Amino acid sequence: MIRPTLIAAALLAAAPALAKETPASGETSIPRMTAFLEWLPDGNQALFVRADTGRWYHVALETSCPRIRQGARIRFNASPGNRFDRHSSIRADGWRCLIGSVTRSEGPPPRRRR
């Protein structure tokens, strides 16, 4: 009788850890990240990424990443299954930057003429 009770208690204690995280509203992922087309910085806390489908995504970082700039060497570390989501990261000139969210976007704003 004690053994089934202990098993049930262990399962109940582990339930929060086994629960699936629910992404924020509008959260998505970029499929086939190894085939992405281009990226553009959006300040030093985000970037725009165009997937191989032509669709744009806005990738917000958890914190500021000062090495994100035009011309930086960026490496995208996708999650298992080659999907880029909030569990992924990037390396910008050797600095590891964690992802806060990935949402669909209309793309970067148009450039102003000088």
PDB file of N, CA and C in Angstrom:
ATOM      1  N   MET A   1       0.819  -1.191   0.000  1.00  0.00           N
ATOM      2  CA  MET A   1       0.000   0.000   0.000  1.00  0.00           C
ATOM      3  C   MET A   1       0.861   1.252   0.000  1.00  0.00           C
ATOM      4  N   ILE A   2       1.987   1.200   0.677  1.00  0.00           N
ATOM      5  CA  ILE A   2       2.855   2.374   0.744  1.00  0.00           C
ATOM      6  C   ILE A   2       3.511   2.630  -0.614  1.00  0.00           C
ATOM      7  N   ARG A   3       3.873   1.549  -1.321  1.00  0.00           N
ATOM      8  CA  ARG A   3       4.564   1.703  -2.602  1.00  0.00           C
ATOM      9  C   ARG A   3       3.724   2.468  -3.633  1.00  0.00           C
ATOM     10  N   PRO A   4       2.448   2.124  -3.879  1.00  0.00           N
ATOM     11  CA  PRO A   4       1.643   2.897  -4.834  1.00  0.00           C
ATOM     12  C   PRO A   4       1.470   4.352  -4.400  1.00  0.00           C
ATOM     13  N   THR A   5       1.392   4.594  -3.104  1.00  0.00           N
ATOM     14  CA  THR A   5       1.257   5.958  -2.605  1.00  0.00           C
ATOM     15  C   THR A   5       2.521   6.758  -2.896  1.00  0.00           C
ATOM     16  N   LEU A   6       3.691   6.149  -2.710  1.00  0.00           N
ATOM     17  CA  LEU A   6       4.947   6.831  -3.004  1.00  0.00           C
ATOM     18  C   LEU A   6       5.095   7.123  -4.496  1.00  0.00           C
ATOM     19  N   ILE A   7       4.680   6.186  -5.323  1.00  0.00           N
ATOM     20  CA  ILE A   7       4.752   6.399  -6.772  1.00  0.00           C
ATOM     21  C   ILE A   7       3.835   7.551  -7.182  1.00  0.00           C
ATOM     22  N   ALA A   8       2.632   7.569  -6.648  1.00  0.00           N
ATOM     23  CA  ALA A   8       1.690   8.649  -6.962  1.00  0.00           C
ATOM     24  C   ALA A   8       2.232  10.000  -6.491  1.00  0.00           C
ATOM     25  N   ALA A   9       2.838  10.030  -5.313  1.00  0.00           N
ATOM     26  CA  ALA A   9       3.396  11.285  -4.797  1.00  0.00           C
ATOM     27  C   ALA A   9       4.559  11.756  -5.677  1.00  0.00           C
ATOM     28  N   ALA A  10       5.390  10.828  -6.138  1.00  0.00           N
ATOM     29  CA  ALA A  10       6.513  11.195  -7.008  1.00  0.00           C
ATOM     30  C   ALA A  10       6.015  11.745  -8.336  1.00  0.00           C
ATOM     31  N   LEU A  11       4.974  11.138  -8.899  1.00  0.00           N
ATOM     32  CA  LEU A  11       4.415  11.637 -10.150  1.00  0.00           C
ATOM     33  C   LEU A  11       3.801  13.017  -9.987  1.00  0.00           C
ATOM     34  N   LEU A  12       3.117  13.242  -8.885  1.00  0.00           N
ATOM     35  CA  LEU A  12       2.532  14.559  -8.638  1.00  0.00           C
ATOM     36  C   LEU A  12       3.610  15.626  -8.460  1.00  0.00           C
ATOM     37  N   ALA A  13       4.699  15.268  -7.821  1.00  0.00           N
ATOM     38  CA  ALA A  13       5.791  16.225  -7.625  1.00  0.00           C
ATOM     39  C   ALA A  13       6.479  16.556  -8.947  1.00  0.00           C
ATOM     40  N   ALA A  14       6.524  15.593  -9.861  1.00  0.00           N
ATOM     41  CA  ALA A  14       7.179  15.806 -11.147  1.00  0.00           C
ATOM     42  C   ALA A  14       6.265  16.464 -12.172  1.00  0.00           C
ATOM     43  N   ALA A  15       4.986  16.563 -11.912  1.00  0.00           N
ATOM     44  CA  ALA A  15       4.028  17.100 -12.883  1.00  0.00           C
ATOM     45  C   ALA A  15       4.385  18.488 -13.388  1.00  0.00           C
ATOM     46  N   PRO A  16       4.778  19.451 -12.543  1.00  0.00           N
ATOM     47  CA  PRO A  16       5.139  20.764 -13.091  1.00  0.00           C
ATOM     48  C   PRO A  16       6.318  20.703 -14.057  1.00  0.00           C
ATOM     49  N   ALA A  17       7.278  19.837 -13.792  1.00  0.00           N
ATOM     50  CA  ALA A  17       8.429  19.716 -14.677  1.00  0.00           C
ATOM     51  C   ALA A  17       8.056  19.056 -15.999  1.00  0.00           C
ATOM     52  N   LEU A  18       7.061  18.180 -15.977  1.00  0.00           N
ATOM     53  CA  LEU A  18       6.632  17.494 -17.185  1.00  0.00           C
ATOM     54  C   LEU A  18       5.639  18.310 -17.998  1.00  0.00           C
ATOM     55  N   ALA A  19       5.042  19.324 -17.398  1.00  0.00           N
ATOM     56  CA  ALA A  19       4.057  20.141 -18.104  1.00  0.00           C
ATOM     57  C   ALA A  19       4.732  20.871 -19.248  1.00  0.00           C
ATOM     58  N   LYS A  20       4.024  20.964 -20.358  1.00  0.00           N
ATOM     59  CA  LYS A  20       4.557  21.635 -21.527  1.00  0.00           C
ATOM     60  C   LYS A  20       4.487  23.141 -21.350  1.00  0.00           C
ATOM     61  N   GLU A  21       5.558  23.827 -21.735  1.00  0.00           N
ATOM     62  CA  GLU A  21       5.550  25.280 -21.666  1.00  0.00           C
ATOM     63  C   GLU A  21       4.650  25.808 -22.764  1.00  0.00           C
ATOM     64  N   THR A  22       3.820  26.789 -22.430  1.00  0.00           N
ATOM     65  CA  THR A  22       2.965  27.379 -23.442  1.00  0.00           C
ATOM     66  C   THR A  22       3.614  28.657 -23.945  1.00  0.00           C
ATOM     67  N   PRO A  23       3.796  28.764 -25.253  1.00  0.00           N
ATOM     68  CA  PRO A  23       4.435  29.959 -25.786  1.00  0.00           C
ATOM     69  C   PRO A  23       3.530  31.174 -25.683  1.00  0.00           C
ATOM     70  N   ALA A  24       4.144  32.341 -25.721  1.00  0.00           N
ATOM     71  CA  ALA A  24       3.399  33.588 -25.648  1.00  0.00           C
ATOM     72  C   ALA A  24       2.531  33.737 -26.893  1.00  0.00           C
ATOM     73  N   SER A  25       1.552  34.578 -26.804  1.00  0.00           N
ATOM     74  CA  SER A  25       0.654  34.835 -27.917  1.00  0.00           C
ATOM     75  C   SER A  25       1.439  35.301 -29.139  1.00  0.00           C
ATOM     76  N   GLY A  26       1.153  34.710 -30.284  1.00  0.00           N
ATOM     77  CA  GLY A  26       1.838  35.082 -31.512  1.00  0.00           C
ATOM     78  C   GLY A  26       3.189  34.422 -31.703  1.00  0.00           C
ATOM     79  N   GLU A  27       3.618  33.661 -30.730  1.00  0.00           N
ATOM     80  CA  GLU A  27       4.921  32.982 -30.794  1.00  0.00           C
ATOM     81  C   GLU A  27       4.880  31.895 -31.868  1.00  0.00           C
ATOM     82  N   THR A  28       5.981  31.758 -32.596  1.00  0.00           N
ATOM     83  CA  THR A  28       6.071  30.743 -33.640  1.00  0.00           C
ATOM     84  C   THR A  28       7.507  30.252 -33.732  1.00  0.00           C
ATOM     85  N   SER A  29       7.825  29.488 -34.736  1.00  0.00           N
ATOM     86  CA  SER A  29       9.197  29.033 -34.969  1.00  0.00           C
ATOM     87  C   SER A  29       9.486  29.106 -36.461  1.00  0.00           C
ATOM     88  N   ILE A  30      10.765  29.141 -36.790  1.00  0.00           N
ATOM     89  CA  ILE A  30      11.190  29.192 -38.184  1.00  0.00           C
ATOM     90  C   ILE A  30      11.601  27.782 -38.590  1.00  0.00           C
ATOM     91  N   PRO A  31      10.908  27.177 -39.554  1.00  0.00           N
ATOM     92  CA  PRO A  31      11.270  25.818 -39.979  1.00  0.00           C
ATOM     93  C   PRO A  31      12.501  25.836 -40.880  1.00  0.00           C
ATOM     94  N   ARG A  32      13.196  24.718 -40.965  1.00  0.00           N
ATOM     95  CA  ARG A  32      14.353  24.539 -41.847  1.00  0.00           C
ATOM     96  C   ARG A  32      15.353  25.691 -41.726  1.00  0.00           C
ATOM     97  N   MET A  33      15.804  25.943 -40.531  1.00  0.00           N
ATOM     98  CA  MET A  33      16.656  27.109 -40.278  1.00  0.00           C
ATOM     99  C   MET A  33      17.969  27.066 -41.047  1.00  0.00           C
ATOM    100  N   THR A  34      18.468  25.904 -41.423  1.00  0.00           N
ATOM    101  CA  THR A  34      19.729  25.854 -42.160  1.00  0.00           C
ATOM    102  C   THR A  34      19.573  26.406 -43.571  1.00  0.00           C
ATOM    103  N   ALA A  35      18.336  26.611 -44.025  1.00  0.00           N
ATOM    104  CA  ALA A  35      18.104  27.130 -45.375  1.00  0.00           C
ATOM    105  C   ALA A  35      17.594  28.572 -45.358  1.00  0.00           C
ATOM    106  N   PHE A  36      17.771  29.303 -44.249  1.00  0.00           N
ATOM    107  CA  PHE A  36      17.260  30.675 -44.195  1.00  0.00           C
ATOM    108  C   PHE A  36      17.965  31.525 -45.251  1.00  0.00           C
ATOM    109  N   LEU A  37      17.316  32.602 -45.672  1.00  0.00           N
ATOM    110  CA  LEU A  37      17.844  33.411 -46.759  1.00  0.00           C
ATOM    111  C   LEU A  37      18.694  34.590 -46.308  1.00  0.00           C
ATOM    112  N   GLU A  38      18.210  35.351 -45.331  1.00  0.00           N
ATOM    113  CA  GLU A  38      18.971  36.511 -44.888  1.00  0.00           C
ATOM    114  C   GLU A  38      18.523  36.955 -43.505  1.00  0.00           C
ATOM    115  N   TRP A  39      19.330  37.803 -42.910  1.00  0.00           N
ATOM    116  CA  TRP A  39      18.980  38.402 -41.627  1.00  0.00           C
ATOM    117  C   TRP A  39      19.435  39.852 -41.638  1.00  0.00           C
ATOM    118  N   LEU A  40      18.714  40.679 -40.874  1.00  0.00           N
ATOM    119  CA  LEU A  40      19.047  42.090 -40.721  1.00  0.00           C
ATOM    120  C   LEU A  40      18.888  42.468 -39.259  1.00  0.00           C
ATOM    121  N   PRO A  41      19.823  43.251 -38.707  1.00  0.00           N
ATOM    122  CA  PRO A  41      19.694  43.646 -37.301  1.00  0.00           C
ATOM    123  C   PRO A  41      18.545  44.623 -37.103  1.00  0.00           C
ATOM    124  N   ASP A  42      17.937  44.559 -35.935  1.00  0.00           N
ATOM    125  CA  ASP A  42      16.914  45.511 -35.507  1.00  0.00           C
ATOM    126  C   ASP A  42      17.398  46.070 -34.168  1.00  0.00           C
ATOM    127  N   GLY A  43      18.335  46.981 -34.230  1.00  0.00           N
ATOM    128  CA  GLY A  43      18.985  47.455 -33.012  1.00  0.00           C
ATOM    129  C   GLY A  43      19.931  46.380 -32.513  1.00  0.00           C
ATOM    130  N   ASN A  44      20.159  46.352 -31.195  1.00  0.00           N
ATOM    131  CA  ASN A  44      21.019  45.297 -30.654  1.00  0.00           C
ATOM    132  C   ASN A  44      20.238  44.342 -29.752  1.00  0.00           C
ATOM    133  N   GLN A  45      18.903  44.384 -29.857  1.00  0.00           N
ATOM    134  CA  GLN A  45      18.089  43.455 -29.078  1.00  0.00           C
ATOM    135  C   GLN A  45      17.177  42.597 -29.932  1.00  0.00           C
ATOM    136  N   ALA A  46      17.308  42.671 -31.249  1.00  0.00           N
ATOM    137  CA  ALA A  46      16.447  41.879 -32.117  1.00  0.00           C
ATOM    138  C   ALA A  46      17.027  41.829 -33.525  1.00  0.00           C
ATOM    139  N   LEU A  47      16.486  40.940 -34.338  1.00  0.00           N
ATOM    140  CA  LEU A  47      16.829  40.899 -35.743  1.00  0.00           C
ATOM    141  C   LEU A  47      15.670  40.349 -36.542  1.00  0.00           C
ATOM    142  N   PHE A  48      15.679  40.676 -37.817  1.00  0.00           N
ATOM    143  CA  PHE A  48      14.691  40.151 -38.752  1.00  0.00           C
ATOM    144  C   PHE A  48      15.357  39.018 -39.519  1.00  0.00           C
ATOM    145  N   VAL A  49      14.636  37.904 -39.694  1.00  0.00           N
ATOM    146  CA  VAL A  49      15.166  36.761 -40.421  1.00  0.00           C
ATOM    147  C   VAL A  49      14.161  36.402 -41.515  1.00  0.00           C
ATOM    148  N   ARG A  50      14.648  36.225 -42.747  1.00  0.00           N
ATOM    149  CA  ARG A  50      13.789  35.789 -43.842  1.00  0.00           C
ATOM    150  C   ARG A  50      14.051  34.313 -44.086  1.00  0.00           C
ATOM    151  N   ALA A  51      13.007  33.513 -43.955  1.00  0.00           N
ATOM    152  CA  ALA A  51      13.110  32.061 -44.121  1.00  0.00           C
ATOM    153  C   ALA A  51      13.178  31.698 -45.605  1.00  0.00           C
ATOM    154  N   ASP A  52      13.441  30.429 -45.882  1.00  0.00           N
ATOM    155  CA  ASP A  52      13.521  29.979 -47.272  1.00  0.00           C
ATOM    156  C   ASP A  52      12.181  30.061 -47.996  1.00  0.00           C
ATOM    157  N   THR A  53      11.103  30.272 -47.258  1.00  0.00           N
ATOM    158  CA  THR A  53       9.779  30.441 -47.855  1.00  0.00           C
ATOM    159  C   THR A  53       9.542  31.882 -48.291  1.00  0.00           C
ATOM    160  N   GLY A  54      10.436  32.791 -47.904  1.00  0.00           N
ATOM    161  CA  GLY A  54      10.274  34.203 -48.190  1.00  0.00           C
ATOM    162  C   GLY A  54       9.577  34.957 -47.068  1.00  0.00           C
ATOM    163  N   ARG A  55       9.063  34.253 -46.084  1.00  0.00           N
ATOM    164  CA  ARG A  55       8.364  34.872 -44.952  1.00  0.00           C
ATOM    165  C   ARG A  55       9.378  35.458 -43.977  1.00  0.00           C
ATOM    166  N   TRP A  56       9.060  36.638 -43.447  1.00  0.00           N
ATOM    167  CA  TRP A  56       9.919  37.309 -42.472  1.00  0.00           C
ATOM    168  C   TRP A  56       9.491  36.989 -41.047  1.00  0.00           C
ATOM    169  N   TYR A  57      10.472  36.944 -40.151  1.00  0.00           N
ATOM    170  CA  TYR A  57      10.244  36.713 -38.729  1.00  0.00           C
ATOM    171  C   TYR A  57      11.019  37.759 -37.939  1.00  0.00           C
ATOM    172  N   HIS A  58      10.476  38.128 -36.790  1.00  0.00           N
ATOM    173  CA  HIS A  58      11.171  39.043 -35.890  1.00  0.00           C
ATOM    174  C   HIS A  58      11.655  38.223 -34.705  1.00  0.00           C
ATOM    175  N   VAL A  59      12.953  38.219 -34.490  1.00  0.00           N
ATOM    176  CA  VAL A  59      13.571  37.446 -33.424  1.00  0.00           C
ATOM    177  C   VAL A  59      14.033  38.427 -32.348  1.00  0.00           C
ATOM    178  N   ALA A  60      13.339  38.420 -31.208  1.00  0.00           N
ATOM    179  CA  ALA A  60      13.712  39.291 -30.091  1.00  0.00           C
ATOM    180  C   ALA A  60      14.632  38.513 -29.160  1.00  0.00           C
ATOM    181  N   LEU A  61      15.672  39.170 -28.682  1.00  0.00           N
ATOM    182  CA  LEU A  61      16.625  38.536 -27.776  1.00  0.00           C
ATOM    183  C   LEU A  61      16.214  38.774 -26.330  1.00  0.00           C
ATOM    184  N   GLU A  62      16.684  37.915 -25.433  1.00  0.00           N
ATOM    185  CA  GLU A  62      16.371  38.079 -24.007  1.00  0.00           C
ATOM    186  C   GLU A  62      17.012  39.342 -23.443  1.00  0.00           C
ATOM    187  N   THR A  63      18.222  39.631 -23.871  1.00  0.00           N
ATOM    188  CA  THR A  63      18.935  40.827 -23.403  1.00  0.00           C
ATOM    189  C   THR A  63      19.643  41.464 -24.593  1.00  0.00           C
ATOM    190  N   SER A  64      20.202  42.608 -24.356  1.00  0.00           N
ATOM    191  CA  SER A  64      20.951  43.305 -25.397  1.00  0.00           C
ATOM    192  C   SER A  64      22.155  42.471 -25.823  1.00  0.00           C
ATOM    193  N   CYS A  65      22.439  42.464 -27.112  1.00  0.00           N
ATOM    194  CA  CYS A  65      23.595  41.745 -27.648  1.00  0.00           C
ATOM    195  C   CYS A  65      24.368  42.732 -28.515  1.00  0.00           C
ATOM    196  N   PRO A  66      25.350  43.438 -27.931  1.00  0.00           N
ATOM    197  CA  PRO A  66      26.026  44.523 -28.641  1.00  0.00           C
ATOM    198  C   PRO A  66      26.768  44.107 -29.904  1.00  0.00           C
ATOM    199  N   ARG A  67      27.009  42.848 -30.088  1.00  0.00           N
ATOM    200  CA  ARG A  67      27.735  42.407 -31.289  1.00  0.00           C
ATOM    201  C   ARG A  67      26.823  42.214 -32.500  1.00  0.00           C
ATOM    202  N   ILE A  68      25.514  42.371 -32.321  1.00  0.00           N
ATOM    203  CA  ILE A  68      24.613  42.263 -33.471  1.00  0.00           C
ATOM    204  C   ILE A  68      24.643  43.589 -34.215  1.00  0.00           C
ATOM    205  N   ARG A  69      25.174  43.531 -35.415  1.00  0.00           N
ATOM    206  CA  ARG A  69      25.232  44.699 -36.284  1.00  0.00           C
ATOM    207  C   ARG A  69      25.390  44.185 -37.709  1.00  0.00           C
ATOM    208  N   GLN A  70      25.142  45.050 -38.662  1.00  0.00           N
ATOM    209  CA  GLN A  70      25.304  44.668 -40.065  1.00  0.00           C
ATOM    210  C   GLN A  70      26.734  44.226 -40.305  1.00  0.00           C
ATOM    211  N   GLY A  71      26.921  43.089 -40.937  1.00  0.00           N
ATOM    212  CA  GLY A  71      28.256  42.582 -41.232  1.00  0.00           C
ATOM    213  C   GLY A  71      28.852  41.702 -40.155  1.00  0.00           C
ATOM    214  N   ALA A  72      28.167  41.530 -39.030  1.00  0.00           N
ATOM    215  CA  ALA A  72      28.678  40.660 -37.963  1.00  0.00           C
ATOM    216  C   ALA A  72      28.601  39.204 -38.418  1.00  0.00           C
ATOM    217  N   ARG A  73      29.476  38.391 -37.869  1.00  0.00           N
ATOM    218  CA  ARG A  73      29.413  36.950 -38.138  1.00  0.00           C
ATOM    219  C   ARG A  73      28.380  36.352 -37.189  1.00  0.00           C
ATOM    220  N   ILE A  74      27.272  35.907 -37.739  1.00  0.00           N
ATOM    221  CA  ILE A  74      26.170  35.364 -36.945  1.00  0.00           C
ATOM    222  C   ILE A  74      26.030  33.877 -37.249  1.00  0.00           C
ATOM    223  N   ARG A  75      25.933  33.086 -36.198  1.00  0.00           N
ATOM    224  CA  ARG A  75      25.656  31.652 -36.339  1.00  0.00           C
ATOM    225  C   ARG A  75      24.373  31.356 -35.596  1.00  0.00           C
ATOM    226  N   PHE A  76      23.424  30.738 -36.265  1.00  0.00           N
ATOM    227  CA  PHE A  76      22.136  30.396 -35.673  1.00  0.00           C
ATOM    228  C   PHE A  76      22.203  28.968 -35.142  1.00  0.00           C
ATOM    229  N   ASN A  77      21.923  28.796 -33.854  1.00  0.00           N
ATOM    230  CA  ASN A  77      21.910  27.478 -33.216  1.00  0.00           C
ATOM    231  C   ASN A  77      20.455  27.078 -33.022  1.00  0.00           C
ATOM    232  N   ALA A  78      19.939  26.288 -33.959  1.00  0.00           N
ATOM    233  CA  ALA A  78      18.535  25.900 -33.939  1.00  0.00           C
ATOM    234  C   ALA A  78      18.267  24.808 -32.912  1.00  0.00           C
ATOM    235  N   SER A  79      17.000  24.681 -32.549  1.00  0.00           N
ATOM    236  CA  SER A  79      16.556  23.609 -31.659  1.00  0.00           C
ATOM    237  C   SER A  79      16.555  22.296 -32.434  1.00  0.00           C
ATOM    238  N   PRO A  80      16.397  21.173 -31.742  1.00  0.00           N
ATOM    239  CA  PRO A  80      16.308  19.891 -32.447  1.00  0.00           C
ATOM    240  C   PRO A  80      15.196  19.939 -33.495  1.00  0.00           C
ATOM    241  N   GLY A  81      15.423  19.279 -34.598  1.00  0.00           N
ATOM    242  CA  GLY A  81      14.449  19.294 -35.680  1.00  0.00           C
ATOM    243  C   GLY A  81      14.679  20.464 -36.632  1.00  0.00           C
ATOM    244  N   ASN A  82      15.808  21.177 -36.455  1.00  0.00           N
ATOM    245  CA  ASN A  82      16.179  22.294 -37.309  1.00  0.00           C
ATOM    246  C   ASN A  82      15.146  23.416 -37.297  1.00  0.00           C
ATOM    247  N   ARG A  83      14.490  23.613 -36.160  1.00  0.00           N
ATOM    248  CA  ARG A  83      13.522  24.699 -35.995  1.00  0.00           C
ATOM    249  C   ARG A  83      14.156  25.770 -35.108  1.00  0.00           C
ATOM    250  N   PHE A  84      13.973  27.011 -35.495  1.00  0.00           N
ATOM    251  CA  PHE A  84      14.514  28.121 -34.722  1.00  0.00           C
ATOM    252  C   PHE A  84      13.373  28.725 -33.921  1.00  0.00           C
ATOM    253  N   ASP A  85      13.465  28.638 -32.593  1.00  0.00           N
ATOM    254  CA  ASP A  85      12.397  29.121 -31.726  1.00  0.00           C
ATOM    255  C   ASP A  85      13.009  29.757 -30.479  1.00  0.00           C
ATOM    256  N   ARG A  86      12.183  30.002 -29.470  1.00  0.00           N
ATOM    257  CA  ARG A  86      12.692  30.692 -28.274  1.00  0.00           C
ATOM    258  C   ARG A  86      13.627  29.837 -27.423  1.00  0.00           C
ATOM    259  N   HIS A  87      13.812  28.586 -27.797  1.00  0.00           N
ATOM    260  CA  HIS A  87      14.757  27.723 -27.093  1.00  0.00           C
ATOM    261  C   HIS A  87      16.093  27.659 -27.836  1.00  0.00           C
ATOM    262  N   SER A  88      16.204  28.406 -28.914  1.00  0.00           N
ATOM    263  CA  SER A  88      17.421  28.450 -29.718  1.00  0.00           C
ATOM    264  C   SER A  88      18.327  29.567 -29.219  1.00  0.00           C
ATOM    265  N   SER A  89      19.444  29.752 -29.895  1.00  0.00           N
ATOM    266  CA  SER A  89      20.350  30.853 -29.562  1.00  0.00           C
ATOM    267  C   SER A  89      21.098  31.263 -30.825  1.00  0.00           C
ATOM    268  N   ILE A  90      21.793  32.367 -30.726  1.00  0.00           N
ATOM    269  CA  ILE A  90      22.669  32.785 -31.812  1.00  0.00           C
ATOM    270  C   ILE A  90      24.038  33.100 -31.235  1.00  0.00           C
ATOM    271  N   ARG A  91      25.042  33.072 -32.094  1.00  0.00           N
ATOM    272  CA  ARG A  91      26.387  33.514 -31.736  1.00  0.00           C
ATOM    273  C   ARG A  91      26.710  34.681 -32.647  1.00  0.00           C
ATOM    274  N   ALA A  92      26.979  35.816 -32.041  1.00  0.00           N
ATOM    275  CA  ALA A  92      27.322  37.020 -32.786  1.00  0.00           C
ATOM    276  C   ALA A  92      28.766  37.364 -32.485  1.00  0.00           C
ATOM    277  N   ASP A  93      29.629  37.169 -33.458  1.00  0.00           N
ATOM    278  CA  ASP A  93      31.074  37.395 -33.277  1.00  0.00           C
ATOM    279  C   ASP A  93      31.592  36.734 -32.002  1.00  0.00           C
ATOM    280  N   GLY A  94      31.126  35.510 -31.749  1.00  0.00           N
ATOM    281  CA  GLY A  94      31.591  34.735 -30.598  1.00  0.00           C
ATOM    282  C   GLY A  94      30.766  34.887 -29.336  1.00  0.00           C
ATOM    283  N   TRP A  95      29.879  35.866 -29.264  1.00  0.00           N
ATOM    284  CA  TRP A  95      29.032  36.048 -28.078  1.00  0.00           C
ATOM    285  C   TRP A  95      27.761  35.238 -28.239  1.00  0.00           C
ATOM    286  N   ARG A  96      27.388  34.513 -27.196  1.00  0.00           N
ATOM    287  CA  ARG A  96      26.142  33.742 -27.215  1.00  0.00           C
ATOM    288  C   ARG A  96      24.999  34.640 -26.747  1.00  0.00           C
ATOM    289  N   CYS A  97      23.952  34.709 -27.551  1.00  0.00           N
ATOM    290  CA  CYS A  97      22.787  35.530 -27.244  1.00  0.00           C
ATOM    291  C   CYS A  97      21.552  34.642 -27.260  1.00  0.00           C
ATOM    292  N   LEU A  98      20.795  34.664 -26.162  1.00  0.00           N
ATOM    293  CA  LEU A  98      19.612  33.808 -26.032  1.00  0.00           C
ATOM    294  C   LEU A  98      18.397  34.481 -26.660  1.00  0.00           C
ATOM    295  N   ILE A  99      17.493  33.666 -27.168  1.00  0.00           N
ATOM    296  CA  ILE A  99      16.298  34.144 -27.855  1.00  0.00           C
ATOM    297  C   ILE A  99      15.166  34.323 -26.854  1.00  0.00           C
ATOM    298  N   GLY A 100      14.492  35.457 -26.936  1.00  0.00           N
ATOM    299  CA  GLY A 100      13.334  35.728 -26.079  1.00  0.00           C
ATOM    300  C   GLY A 100      12.041  35.306 -26.743  1.00  0.00           C
ATOM    301  N   SER A 101      11.889  35.609 -28.044  1.00  0.00           N
ATOM    302  CA  SER A 101      10.684  35.224 -28.771  1.00  0.00           C
ATOM    303  C   SER A 101      10.932  35.264 -30.268  1.00  0.00           C
ATOM    304  N   VAL A 102      10.127  34.504 -30.998  1.00  0.00           N
ATOM    305  CA  VAL A 102      10.142  34.504 -32.453  1.00  0.00           C
ATOM    306  C   VAL A 102       8.704  34.707 -32.896  1.00  0.00           C
ATOM    307  N   THR A 103       8.455  35.771 -33.654  1.00  0.00           N
ATOM    308  CA  THR A 103       7.104  36.065 -34.142  1.00  0.00           C
ATOM    309  C   THR A 103       7.166  36.367 -35.632  1.00  0.00           C
ATOM    310  N   ARG A 104       6.050  36.192 -36.309  1.00  0.00           N
ATOM    311  CA  ARG A 104       5.978  36.549 -37.730  1.00  0.00           C
ATOM    312  C   ARG A 104       6.035  38.056 -37.864  1.00  0.00           C
ATOM    313  N   SER A 105       6.535  38.506 -39.000  1.00  0.00           N
ATOM    314  CA  SER A 105       6.716  39.936 -39.224  1.00  0.00           C
ATOM    315  C   SER A 105       6.445  40.272 -40.684  1.00  0.00           C
ATOM    316  N   GLU A 106       6.193  41.525 -40.938  1.00  0.00           N
ATOM    317  CA  GLU A 106       6.069  42.016 -42.317  1.00  0.00           C
ATOM    318  C   GLU A 106       7.442  42.307 -42.906  1.00  0.00           C
ATOM    319  N   GLY A 107       8.473  42.156 -42.112  1.00  0.00           N
ATOM    320  CA  GLY A 107       9.826  42.419 -42.574  1.00  0.00           C
ATOM    321  C   GLY A 107      10.364  43.691 -41.960  1.00  0.00           C
ATOM    322  N   PRO A 108      11.596  44.005 -42.276  1.00  0.00           N
ATOM    323  CA  PRO A 108      12.196  45.222 -41.722  1.00  0.00           C
ATOM    324  C   PRO A 108      11.519  46.459 -42.304  1.00  0.00           C
ATOM    325  N   PRO A 109      11.539  47.549 -41.553  1.00  0.00           N
ATOM    326  CA  PRO A 109      10.943  48.778 -42.088  1.00  0.00           C
ATOM    327  C   PRO A 109      11.737  49.260 -43.298  1.00  0.00           C
ATOM    328  N   PRO A 110      11.074  49.951 -44.221  1.00  0.00           N
ATOM    329  CA  PRO A 110      11.810  50.441 -45.395  1.00  0.00           C
ATOM    330  C   PRO A 110      12.876  51.455 -44.998  1.00  0.00           C
ATOM    331  N   ARG A 111      13.949  51.460 -45.745  1.00  0.00           N
ATOM    332  CA  ARG A 111      15.052  52.394 -45.466  1.00  0.00           C
ATOM    333  C   ARG A 111      14.633  53.799 -45.883  1.00  0.00           C
ATOM    334  N   ARG A 112      15.066  54.756 -45.088  1.00  0.00           N
ATOM    335  CA  ARG A 112      14.808  56.157 -45.431  1.00  0.00           C
ATOM    336  C   ARG A 112      15.839  56.647 -46.434  1.00  0.00           C
ATOM    337  N   ARG A 113      15.384  57.456 -47.353  1.00  0.00           N
ATOM    338  CA  ARG A 113      16.318  58.050 -48.318  1.00  0.00           C
ATOM    339  C   ARG A 113      16.975  59.258 -47.678  1.00  0.00           C
ATOM    340  N   ARG A 114      18.233  59.432 -47.961  1.00  0.00           N
ATOM    341  CA  ARG A 114      18.971  60.560 -47.378  1.00  0.00           C
ATOM    342  C   ARG A 114      18.955  61.743 -48.295  1.00  0.00           C
TER     343      ARG A 114
END
